C-alpha atoms as a PDB file:
ATOM      1  CA  MET A   1      82.684-109.620-269.493  1.00  0.00           C
ATOM      2  CA  ALA A   2      83.087-105.949-270.383  1.00  0.00           C
ATOM      3  CA  ALA A   3      86.619-104.602-270.166  1.00  0.00           C
ATOM      4  CA  VAL A   4      87.891-101.416-268.604  1.00  0.00           C
ATOM      5  CA  ARG A   5      88.574 -98.990-271.437  1.00  0.00           C
ATOM      6  CA  ALA A   6      90.588 -96.421-269.490  1.00  0.00           C
ATOM      7  CA  ARG A   7      93.692 -95.493-271.480  1.00  0.00           C
ATOM      8  CA  THR A   8      95.611 -94.170-268.477  1.00  0.00           C
ATOM      9  CA  VAL A   9      95.469 -95.692-264.996  1.00  0.00           C
ATOM     10  CA  LEU A  10      97.256 -94.956-261.715  1.00  0.00           C
ATOM     11  CA  LEU A  11      97.184 -97.320-258.721  1.00  0.00           C
ATOM     12  CA  THR A  12      98.555 -96.801-255.230  1.00  0.00           C
ATOM     13  CA  GLY A  13      99.878 -99.646-253.079  1.00  0.00           C
ATOM     14  CA  ALA A  14     100.703-101.593-256.240  1.00  0.00           C
ATOM     15  CA  ASN A  15     103.534-103.848-255.107  1.00  0.00           C
ATOM     16  CA  ARG A  16     101.526-106.560-253.348  1.00  0.00           C
ATOM     17  CA  GLY A  17      98.067-107.967-252.729  1.00  0.00           C
ATOM     18  CA  ILE A  18      95.143-106.456-254.590  1.00  0.00           C
ATOM     19  CA  GLY A  19      97.229-103.631-256.063  1.00  0.00           C
ATOM     20  CA  LEU A  20      99.760-105.985-257.655  1.00  0.00           C
ATOM     21  CA  GLU A  21      97.021-108.263-258.991  1.00  0.00           C
ATOM     22  CA  LEU A  22      95.213-105.266-260.492  1.00  0.00           C
ATOM     23  CA  VAL A  23      98.410-104.398-262.356  1.00  0.00           C
ATOM     24  CA  LYS A  24      98.791-107.974-263.623  1.00  0.00           C
ATOM     25  CA  GLN A  25      95.219-108.302-264.832  1.00  0.00           C
ATOM     26  CA  LEU A  26      95.193-104.876-266.467  1.00  0.00           C
ATOM     27  CA  LEU A  27      98.355-105.821-268.356  1.00  0.00           C
ATOM     28  CA  ARG A  28      96.727-109.067-269.523  1.00  0.00           C
ATOM     29  CA  ALA A  29      93.576-107.339-270.793  1.00  0.00           C
ATOM     30  CA  PRO A  30      92.785-107.699-274.518  1.00  0.00           C
ATOM     31  CA  ARG A  31      93.273-103.941-274.845  1.00  0.00           C
ATOM     32  CA  PRO A  32      95.503-102.914-271.922  1.00  0.00           C
ATOM     33  CA  PRO A  33      95.798 -99.258-270.925  1.00  0.00           C
ATOM     34  CA  ALA A  34      98.316 -97.184-272.835  1.00  0.00           C
ATOM     35  CA  TRP A  35      99.873 -96.254-269.490  1.00  0.00           C
ATOM     36  CA  ILE A  36      99.662 -97.944-266.093  1.00  0.00           C
ATOM     37  CA  PHE A  37     101.343 -96.023-263.289  1.00  0.00           C
ATOM     38  CA  ALA A  38     102.026 -98.435-260.432  1.00  0.00           C
ATOM     39  CA  THR A  39     103.031 -96.630-257.259  1.00  0.00           C
ATOM     40  CA  CYS A  40     104.489 -97.767-253.954  1.00  0.00           C
ATOM     41  CA  ARG A  41     106.723 -96.336-251.271  1.00  0.00           C
ATOM     42  CA  ASP A  42     109.907 -98.101-252.392  1.00  0.00           C
ATOM     43  CA  PRO A  43     109.854 -99.246-256.039  1.00  0.00           C
ATOM     44  CA  GLU A  44     113.557-100.069-255.830  1.00  0.00           C
ATOM     45  CA  GLY A  45     113.225-102.218-252.699  1.00  0.00           C
ATOM     46  CA  PRO A  46     112.985-106.016-252.386  1.00  0.00           C
ATOM     47  CA  ARG A  47     109.195-105.989-251.975  1.00  0.00           C
ATOM     48  CA  ALA A  48     108.770-104.394-255.400  1.00  0.00           C
ATOM     49  CA  GLN A  49     110.801-107.009-257.271  1.00  0.00           C
ATOM     50  CA  GLU A  50     107.727-108.520-258.943  1.00  0.00           C
ATOM     51  CA  LEU A  51     106.625-105.084-260.115  1.00  0.00           C
ATOM     52  CA  ARG A  52     110.078-104.418-261.568  1.00  0.00           C
ATOM     53  CA  ASP A  53     109.990-107.753-263.395  1.00  0.00           C
ATOM     54  CA  LEU A  54     106.643-106.815-264.923  1.00  0.00           C
ATOM     55  CA  ALA A  55     107.896-103.362-265.918  1.00  0.00           C
ATOM     56  CA  SER A  56     110.870-104.922-267.715  1.00  0.00           C
ATOM     57  CA  LYS A  57     108.437-106.820-269.953  1.00  0.00           C
ATOM     58  CA  HIS A  58     105.731-104.184-270.398  1.00  0.00           C
ATOM     59  CA  PRO A  59     106.795-100.725-271.626  1.00  0.00           C
ATOM     60  CA  ASN A  60     103.358 -99.314-270.745  1.00  0.00           C
ATOM     61  CA  LEU A  61     103.958-100.025-267.032  1.00  0.00           C
ATOM     62  CA  VAL A  62     105.694 -97.203-265.167  1.00  0.00           C
ATOM     63  CA  LEU A  63     106.787 -97.549-261.541  1.00  0.00           C
ATOM     64  CA  VAL A  64     106.486 -94.378-259.479  1.00  0.00           C
ATOM     65  CA  LYS A  65     107.743 -93.722-255.955  1.00  0.00           C
ATOM     66  CA  LEU A  66     104.871 -92.470-253.810  1.00  0.00           C
ATOM     67  CA  ASP A  67     103.858 -92.459-250.157  1.00  0.00           C
ATOM     68  CA  VAL A  68     100.200 -91.410-249.961  1.00  0.00           C
ATOM     69  CA  ALA A  69     100.665 -90.138-246.399  1.00  0.00           C
ATOM     70  CA  ASN A  70     103.314 -87.644-247.564  1.00  0.00           C
ATOM     71  CA  PRO A  71     101.828 -84.661-249.479  1.00  0.00           C
ATOM     72  CA  SER A  72     105.171 -83.614-250.962  1.00  0.00           C
ATOM     73  CA  ALA A  73     105.735 -87.166-252.238  1.00  0.00           C
ATOM     74  CA  VAL A  74     102.305 -87.122-253.895  1.00  0.00           C
ATOM     75  CA  THR A  75     103.117 -83.809-255.588  1.00  0.00           C
ATOM     76  CA  ALA A  76     106.459 -85.139-256.824  1.00  0.00           C
ATOM     77  CA  ALA A  77     104.780 -88.276-258.190  1.00  0.00           C
ATOM     78  CA  ALA A  78     102.169 -86.197-260.014  1.00  0.00           C
ATOM     79  CA  LYS A  79     104.933 -84.313-261.822  1.00  0.00           C
ATOM     80  CA  VAL A  80     106.439 -87.616-262.980  1.00  0.00           C
ATOM     81  CA  VAL A  81     103.064 -88.843-264.216  1.00  0.00           C
ATOM     82  CA  GLU A  82     102.227 -85.546-265.923  1.00  0.00           C
ATOM     83  CA  GLY A  83     105.546 -85.608-267.766  1.00  0.00           C
ATOM     84  CA  LYS A  84     104.961 -89.141-268.992  1.00  0.00           C
ATOM     85  CA  LEU A  85     101.406 -88.355-270.130  1.00  0.00           C
ATOM     86  CA  ASN A  86     102.762 -85.510-272.258  1.00  0.00           C
ATOM     87  CA  GLY A  87      99.565 -83.472-272.414  1.00  0.00           C
ATOM     88  CA  ALA A  88      97.060 -86.308-271.962  1.00  0.00           C
ATOM     89  CA  GLY A  89      94.844 -86.696-268.918  1.00  0.00           C
ATOM     90  CA  LEU A  90      94.488 -89.422-266.286  1.00  0.00           C
ATOM     91  CA  ASN A  91      91.361 -91.519-266.795  1.00  0.00           C
ATOM     92  CA  LEU A  92      91.392 -93.709-263.710  1.00  0.00           C
ATOM     93  CA  LEU A  93      92.842 -93.161-260.230  1.00  0.00           C
ATOM     94  CA  ILE A  94      92.593 -96.234-257.983  1.00  0.00           C
ATOM     95  CA  ASN A  95      93.323 -95.411-254.338  1.00  0.00           C
ATOM     96  CA  ASN A  96      94.246 -98.884-253.108  1.00  0.00           C
ATOM     97  CA  ALA A  97      96.998 -98.186-250.567  1.00  0.00           C
ATOM     98  CA  GLY A  98      95.984 -98.814-246.981  1.00  0.00           C
ATOM     99  CA  ILE A  99      97.195-100.019-243.587  1.00  0.00           C
ATOM    100  CA  TYR A 100      95.562-102.205-240.975  1.00  0.00           C
ATOM    101  CA  THR A 101      96.196-102.903-237.284  1.00  0.00           C
ATOM    102  CA  PRO A 102      94.488-106.234-236.443  1.00  0.00           C
ATOM    103  CA  THR A 103      94.736-105.822-232.653  1.00  0.00           C
ATOM    104  CA  ALA A 104      93.234-102.332-232.390  1.00  0.00           C
ATOM    105  CA  SER A 105      90.349-102.763-229.927  1.00  0.00           C
ATOM    106  CA  LEU A 106      88.809 -99.876-227.986  1.00  0.00           C
ATOM    107  CA  GLU A 107      90.965-100.937-225.022  1.00  0.00           C
ATOM    108  CA  THR A 108      94.248-101.032-226.949  1.00  0.00           C
ATOM    109  CA  VAL A 109      94.001 -98.507-229.767  1.00  0.00           C
ATOM    110  CA  ASP A 110      95.943 -95.320-229.114  1.00  0.00           C
ATOM    111  CA  ALA A 111      96.078 -91.890-230.681  1.00  0.00           C
ATOM    112  CA  GLU A 112      99.248 -92.632-232.645  1.00  0.00           C
ATOM    113  CA  ASP A 113      97.761 -95.687-234.330  1.00  0.00           C
ATOM    114  CA  MET A 114      94.503 -93.902-235.092  1.00  0.00           C
ATOM    115  CA  ILE A 115      96.279 -90.893-236.624  1.00  0.00           C
ATOM    116  CA  ARG A 116      98.703 -93.076-238.627  1.00  0.00           C
ATOM    117  CA  THR A 117      95.833 -95.149-240.028  1.00  0.00           C
ATOM    118  CA  TYR A 118      93.747 -92.098-240.915  1.00  0.00           C
ATOM    119  CA  LYS A 119      96.707 -90.474-242.681  1.00  0.00           C
ATOM    120  CA  THR A 120      97.067 -93.420-245.046  1.00  0.00           C
ATOM    121  CA  ASN A 121      93.501 -94.706-245.379  1.00  0.00           C
ATOM    122  CA  ALA A 122      91.519 -91.459-245.496  1.00  0.00           C
ATOM    123  CA  VAL A 123      93.810 -88.429-245.777  1.00  0.00           C
ATOM    124  CA  GLY A 124      95.967 -90.119-248.424  1.00  0.00           C
ATOM    125  CA  PRO A 125      93.087 -90.663-250.898  1.00  0.00           C
ATOM    126  CA  MET A 126      91.948 -87.083-250.268  1.00  0.00           C
ATOM    127  CA  ILE A 127      95.396 -85.706-251.135  1.00  0.00           C
ATOM    128  CA  MET A 128      95.726 -88.009-254.150  1.00  0.00           C
ATOM    129  CA  ALA A 129      92.470 -86.692-255.595  1.00  0.00           C
ATOM    130  CA  GLN A 130      93.415 -83.070-254.908  1.00  0.00           C
ATOM    131  CA  VAL A 131      96.854 -83.331-256.509  1.00  0.00           C
ATOM    132  CA  PHE A 132      95.799 -85.432-259.517  1.00  0.00           C
ATOM    133  CA  LEU A 133      92.581 -83.455-260.067  1.00  0.00           C
ATOM    134  CA  PRO A 134      93.991 -81.370-262.967  1.00  0.00           C
ATOM    135  CA  LEU A 135      94.930 -84.545-264.855  1.00  0.00           C
ATOM    136  CA  LEU A 136      91.526 -86.120-264.130  1.00  0.00           C
ATOM    137  CA  LYS A 137      89.759 -82.951-265.307  1.00  0.00           C
ATOM    138  CA  LYS A 138      91.894 -82.960-268.447  1.00  0.00           C
ATOM    139  CA  ALA A 139      90.804 -86.539-269.214  1.00  0.00           C
ATOM    140  CA  ALA A 140      87.156 -85.643-268.632  1.00  0.00           C
ATOM    141  CA  ARG A 141      87.352 -82.594-270.917  1.00  0.00           C
ATOM    142  CA  ASP A 142      89.082 -84.540-273.691  1.00  0.00           C
ATOM    143  CA  SER A 143      86.630 -87.449-273.591  1.00  0.00           C
ATOM    144  CA  THR A 144      83.784 -87.726-276.090  1.00  0.00           C
ATOM    145  CA  GLU A 145      81.797 -90.013-273.754  1.00  0.00           C
ATOM    146  CA  LYS A 146      78.536 -88.832-272.253  1.00  0.00           C
ATOM    147  CA  GLY A 147      77.837 -89.063-268.519  1.00  0.00           C
ATOM    148  CA  LEU A 148      80.280 -90.453-265.960  1.00  0.00           C
ATOM    149  CA  SER A 149      82.423 -93.563-266.404  1.00  0.00           C
ATOM    150  CA  CYS A 150      85.800 -95.125-265.633  1.00  0.00           C
ATOM    151  CA  SER A 151      86.717 -94.751-269.304  1.00  0.00           C
ATOM    152  CA  LYS A 152      86.227 -90.985-269.054  1.00  0.00           C
ATOM    153  CA  ALA A 153      87.568 -89.961-265.627  1.00  0.00           C
ATOM    154  CA  ALA A 154      87.112 -91.681-262.274  1.00  0.00           C
ATOM    155  CA  ILE A 155      88.383 -91.961-258.716  1.00  0.00           C
ATOM    156  CA  ILE A 156      87.967 -95.453-257.260  1.00  0.00           C
ATOM    157  CA  ASN A 157      88.594 -95.728-253.519  1.00  0.00           C
ATOM    158  CA  ILE A 158      89.213 -99.287-252.346  1.00  0.00           C
ATOM    159  CA  SER A 159      87.247 -99.383-249.103  1.00  0.00           C
ATOM    160  CA  THR A 160      85.474-102.064-247.051  1.00  0.00           C
ATOM    161  CA  ILE A 161      82.138-103.003-245.578  1.00  0.00           C
ATOM    162  CA  LEU A 162      83.889-102.687-242.193  1.00  0.00           C
ATOM    163  CA  GLY A 163      83.511 -98.945-242.772  1.00  0.00           C
ATOM    164  CA  SER A 164      79.724 -99.299-242.919  1.00  0.00           C
ATOM    165  CA  ILE A 165      78.115 -98.048-239.710  1.00  0.00           C
ATOM    166  CA  GLU A 166      74.909 -99.973-240.387  1.00  0.00           C
ATOM    167  CA  LYS A 167      76.731-103.294-240.880  1.00  0.00           C
ATOM    168  CA  THR A 168      79.096-102.971-237.899  1.00  0.00           C
ATOM    169  CA  PRO A 169      77.178-105.289-235.486  1.00  0.00           C
ATOM    170  CA  GLU A 170      77.556-108.220-237.895  1.00  0.00           C
ATOM    171  CA  SER A 171      81.360-108.218-237.718  1.00  0.00           C
ATOM    172  CA  PHE A 172      82.232-106.422-234.484  1.00  0.00           C
ATOM    173  CA  PHE A 173      83.654-109.610-232.968  1.00  0.00           C
ATOM    174  CA  HIS A 174      86.780-108.311-234.739  1.00  0.00           C
ATOM    175  CA  PRO A 175      86.858-104.633-233.698  1.00  0.00           C
ATOM    176  CA  VAL A 176      89.894-103.242-235.658  1.00  0.00           C
ATOM    177  CA  ILE A 177      88.865 -99.766-234.469  1.00  0.00           C
ATOM    178  CA  SER A 178      91.372 -97.587-236.302  1.00  0.00           C
ATOM    179  CA  TYR A 179      90.783 -99.444-239.571  1.00  0.00           C
ATOM    180  CA  ARG A 180      86.973 -99.274-239.308  1.00  0.00           C
ATOM    181  CA  CYS A 181      86.952 -95.591-238.445  1.00  0.00           C
ATOM    182  CA  SER A 182      89.394 -94.663-241.210  1.00  0.00           C
ATOM    183  CA  LYS A 183      87.373 -96.581-243.814  1.00  0.00           C
ATOM    184  CA  ALA A 184      84.124 -95.011-242.613  1.00  0.00           C
ATOM    185  CA  ALA A 185      85.870 -91.686-243.207  1.00  0.00           C
ATOM    186  CA  LEU A 186      86.923 -92.892-246.665  1.00  0.00           C
ATOM    187  CA  ASN A 187      83.317 -93.778-247.497  1.00  0.00           C
ATOM    188  CA  MET A 188      82.232 -90.277-246.474  1.00  0.00           C
ATOM    189  CA  LEU A 189      85.111 -88.794-248.482  1.00  0.00           C
ATOM    190  CA  THR A 190      83.898 -90.718-251.531  1.00  0.00           C
ATOM    191  CA  LYS A 191      80.416 -89.249-251.157  1.00  0.00           C
ATOM    192  CA  CYS A 192      81.838 -85.730-250.794  1.00  0.00           C
ATOM    193  CA  GLN A 193      84.126 -86.232-253.798  1.00  0.00           C
ATOM    194  CA  ALA A 194      81.169 -87.427-255.872  1.00  0.00           C
ATOM    195  CA  LEU A 195      79.128 -84.348-254.985  1.00  0.00           C
ATOM    196  CA  THR A 196      82.073 -82.062-255.777  1.00  0.00           C
ATOM    197  CA  TYR A 197      83.966 -83.627-258.681  1.00  0.00           C
ATOM    198  CA  GLY A 198      80.924 -84.926-260.553  1.00  0.00           C
ATOM    199  CA  GLU A 199      80.382 -81.440-261.959  1.00  0.00           C
ATOM    200  CA  ALA A 200      83.774 -81.753-263.665  1.00  0.00           C
ATOM    201  CA  GLY A 201      82.821 -85.094-265.222  1.00  0.00           C
ATOM    202  CA  ILE A 202      84.645 -87.279-262.694  1.00  0.00           C
ATOM    203  CA  LEU A 203      83.001 -90.422-261.318  1.00  0.00           C
ATOM    204  CA  CYS A 204      83.771 -91.220-257.652  1.00  0.00           C
ATOM    205  CA  VAL A 205      82.994 -94.658-256.186  1.00  0.00           C
ATOM    206  CA  ALA A 206      84.138 -96.766-253.204  1.00  0.00           C
ATOM    207  CA  LEU A 207      84.574-100.516-253.769  1.00  0.00           C
ATOM    208  CA  HIS A 208      84.618-103.336-251.228  1.00  0.00           C
ATOM    209  CA  PRO A 209      86.917-106.121-252.552  1.00  0.00           C
ATOM    210  CA  GLY A 210      85.667-108.811-250.149  1.00  0.00           C
ATOM    211  CA  TRP A 211      87.631-110.716-247.517  1.00  0.00           C
ATOM    212  CA  VAL A 212      90.747-111.635-249.469  1.00  0.00           C
ATOM    213  CA  LYS A 213      93.682-113.980-248.869  1.00  0.00           C
ATOM    214  CA  THR A 214      96.526-111.454-248.642  1.00  0.00           C
ATOM    215  CA  ASP A 215      99.116-110.313-246.110  1.00  0.00           C
ATOM    216  CA  MET A 216      96.543-107.919-244.686  1.00  0.00           C
ATOM    217  CA  GLY A 217      93.635-110.322-244.952  1.00  0.00           C
ATOM    218  CA  SER A 218      93.862-113.896-243.746  1.00  0.00           C
ATOM    219  CA  GLN A 219      94.579-117.340-245.127  1.00  0.00           C
ATOM    220  CA  GLU A 220      91.098-118.221-243.861  1.00  0.00           C
ATOM    221  CA  ALA A 221      89.562-115.552-246.083  1.00  0.00           C
ATOM    222  CA  ASP A 222      86.752-116.259-248.520  1.00  0.00           C
ATOM    223  CA  LEU A 223      88.418-115.052-251.711  1.00  0.00           C
ATOM    224  CA  THR A 224      91.636-115.439-253.626  1.00  0.00           C
ATOM    225  CA  VAL A 225      93.225-112.225-254.844  1.00  0.00           C
ATOM    226  CA  ASP A 226      92.623-113.347-258.425  1.00  0.00           C
ATOM    227  CA  THR A 227      88.880-113.792-257.868  1.00  0.00           C
ATOM    228  CA  SER A 228      88.483-110.483-256.044  1.00  0.00           C
ATOM    229  CA  VAL A 229      90.353-108.515-258.693  1.00  0.00           C
ATOM    230  CA  ARG A 230      88.493-110.173-261.558  1.00  0.00           C
ATOM    231  CA  GLY A 231      85.304-109.103-259.791  1.00  0.00           C
ATOM    232  CA  LEU A 232      86.506-105.545-259.265  1.00  0.00           C
ATOM    233  CA  LEU A 233      87.564-105.220-262.903  1.00  0.00           C
ATOM    234  CA  SER A 234      84.174-106.548-264.032  1.00  0.00           C
ATOM    235  CA  VAL A 235      82.428-103.874-261.953  1.00  0.00           C
ATOM    236  CA  LEU A 236      84.448-100.901-263.225  1.00  0.00           C
ATOM    237  CA  PRO A 237      83.014-100.907-266.789  1.00  0.00           C
ATOM    238  CA  ILE A 238      79.405-100.851-265.562  1.00  0.00           C
ATOM    239  CA  LEU A 239      79.826 -97.860-263.265  1.00  0.00           C
ATOM    240  CA  SER A 240      77.997 -94.676-264.204  1.00  0.00           C
ATOM    241  CA  GLU A 241      76.547 -91.529-262.636  1.00  0.00           C
ATOM    242  CA  LYS A 242      73.876 -93.556-260.822  1.00  0.00           C
ATOM    243  CA  HIS A 243      76.659 -95.207-258.769  1.00  0.00           C
ATOM    244  CA  SER A 244      78.542 -91.999-257.950  1.00  0.00           C
ATOM    245  CA  GLY A 245      79.274 -91.693-254.231  1.00  0.00           C
ATOM    246  CA  ALA A 246      78.195 -95.258-253.410  1.00  0.00           C
ATOM    247  CA  LEU A 247      80.003 -98.111-251.665  1.00  0.00           C
ATOM    248  CA  LEU A 248      79.717-101.153-253.946  1.00  0.00           C
ATOM    249  CA  ASN A 249      80.632-104.808-253.586  1.00  0.00           C
ATOM    250  CA  TRP A 250      83.265-106.503-255.755  1.00  0.00           C
ATOM    251  CA  GLU A 251      80.602-108.973-256.848  1.00  0.00           C
ATOM    252  CA  ALA A 252      78.326-107.541-259.560  1.00  0.00           C
ATOM    253  CA  GLY A 253      78.534-104.053-258.092  1.00  0.00           C
ATOM    254  CA  GLN A 254      75.911-104.617-255.417  1.00  0.00           C
ATOM    255  CA  VAL A 255      75.272-101.540-253.294  1.00  0.00           C
ATOM    256  CA  LEU A 256      76.389-101.744-249.662  1.00  0.00           C
ATOM    257  CA  PRO A 257      75.297 -99.455-246.812  1.00  0.00           C
ATOM    258  CA  GLY A 258      78.228 -97.148-246.283  1.00  0.00           C
ATOM    259  CA  ALA A 259      78.783 -94.048-248.355  1.00  0.00           C
ATOM    260  CA  SER A 260      75.256 -94.241-249.786  1.00  0.00           C
ATOM    261  CA  SER A 261      71.950 -93.958-247.979  1.00  0.00           C
ATOM    262  CA  GLY A 262      70.053 -96.115-250.421  1.00  0.00           C
ATOM    263  CA  SER A 263      70.285 -98.342-253.474  1.00  0.00           C
ATOM    264  CA  PRO A 264      70.367 -96.822-256.946  1.00  0.00           C
ATOM    265  CA  PRO A 265      67.612 -98.114-259.241  1.00  0.00           C
ATOM    266  CA  GLY A 266      68.036-101.757-260.188  1.00  0.00           C
ATOM    267  CA  LEU A 267      70.723-102.509-257.611  1.00  0.00           C
ATOM    268  CA  LEU A 268      69.771-104.277-254.413  1.00  0.00           C
ATOM    269  CA  GLY A 269      71.371-106.306-251.662  1.00  0.00           C
ATOM    270  CA  GLY A 270      75.004-106.479-250.682  1.00  0.00           C
ATOM    271  CA  HIS A 271      77.694-108.689-249.256  1.00  0.00           C
ATOM    272  CA  HIS A 272      76.400-110.180-246.020  1.00  0.00           C
ATOM    273  CA  GLY A 273      79.386-112.247-244.955  1.00  0.00           C
ATOM    274  CA  GLY A 274      80.101-112.198-241.253  1.00  0.00           C
ATOM    275  CA  SER A 275      83.685-110.965-241.444  1.00  0.00           C
ATOM    276  CA  SER A 276      84.448-109.108-244.642  1.00  0.00           C
ATOM    277  CA  PHE A 277      87.919-107.693-244.445  1.00  0.00           C
ATOM    278  CA  THR A 278      89.479-105.666-247.224  1.00  0.00           C
ATOM    279  CA  SER A 279      93.111-106.123-248.113  1.00  0.00           C
ATOM    280  CA  CYS A 280      94.537-102.922-249.513  1.00  0.00           C
ATOM    281  CA  ALA A 281      98.323-102.786-249.181  1.00  0.00           C
ATOM    282  CA  GLN A 282     100.626 -99.802-248.597  1.00  0.00           C
ATOM    283  CA  ILE A 283     104.272-100.842-248.766  1.00  0.00           C
END
């Protein structure tokens, strides 16, 4: 399996679920990144204890306080990261943080829940890309690689097939309205980012991690966190300009209907499970 060759990586929502497992597996890679910036809202709190334990053993892991729904917090975090990079760029930004209200049907969802979910799941990744764009552009300029790739400069938005309008009838027995709508917005954001940031050498892709056994997923879910993350990390090295703007599955990078209107050459199919819930975590 090809390995991610990004030298500098930043992840949001890194203290549990998929985010925490991404940190663990990146640290265990044969050639781990020179810097991994693991962010969460309270890196000193009890829910970040496992992250702190990892940081005590791995000097290349830096914990950063960040709430993606707070623009000033994102700006402050970017200053910390920029200082640590000391003139280098940021190769890979993984927008993993997200929130989920399982009971949000059309009858029960309210404006407050919808706005809160959008702020974290869609507005947050937008702000992250805007604020970290200079560091991503720096990485792209400094890279000797041709085309677009995660080793050069990339924004990866952890999304879900529940944000696919075309696939909605297959899983609408579980409405989760605010979550679906916010992830549909994230898929559109990914497409817009691809069309805008691609000119600067930055790859932009949305990834569906499957229905995962996490706090936000379910113990009845199809996948363990380990399996999902191994799949995601196997997809990252194969991404190129032909995937830019697409929503892809964790498994072999299959194209899903969502941010893209069609399948890039050589990539067909998708994840057709009945209830495919993502499990991004913002804590």
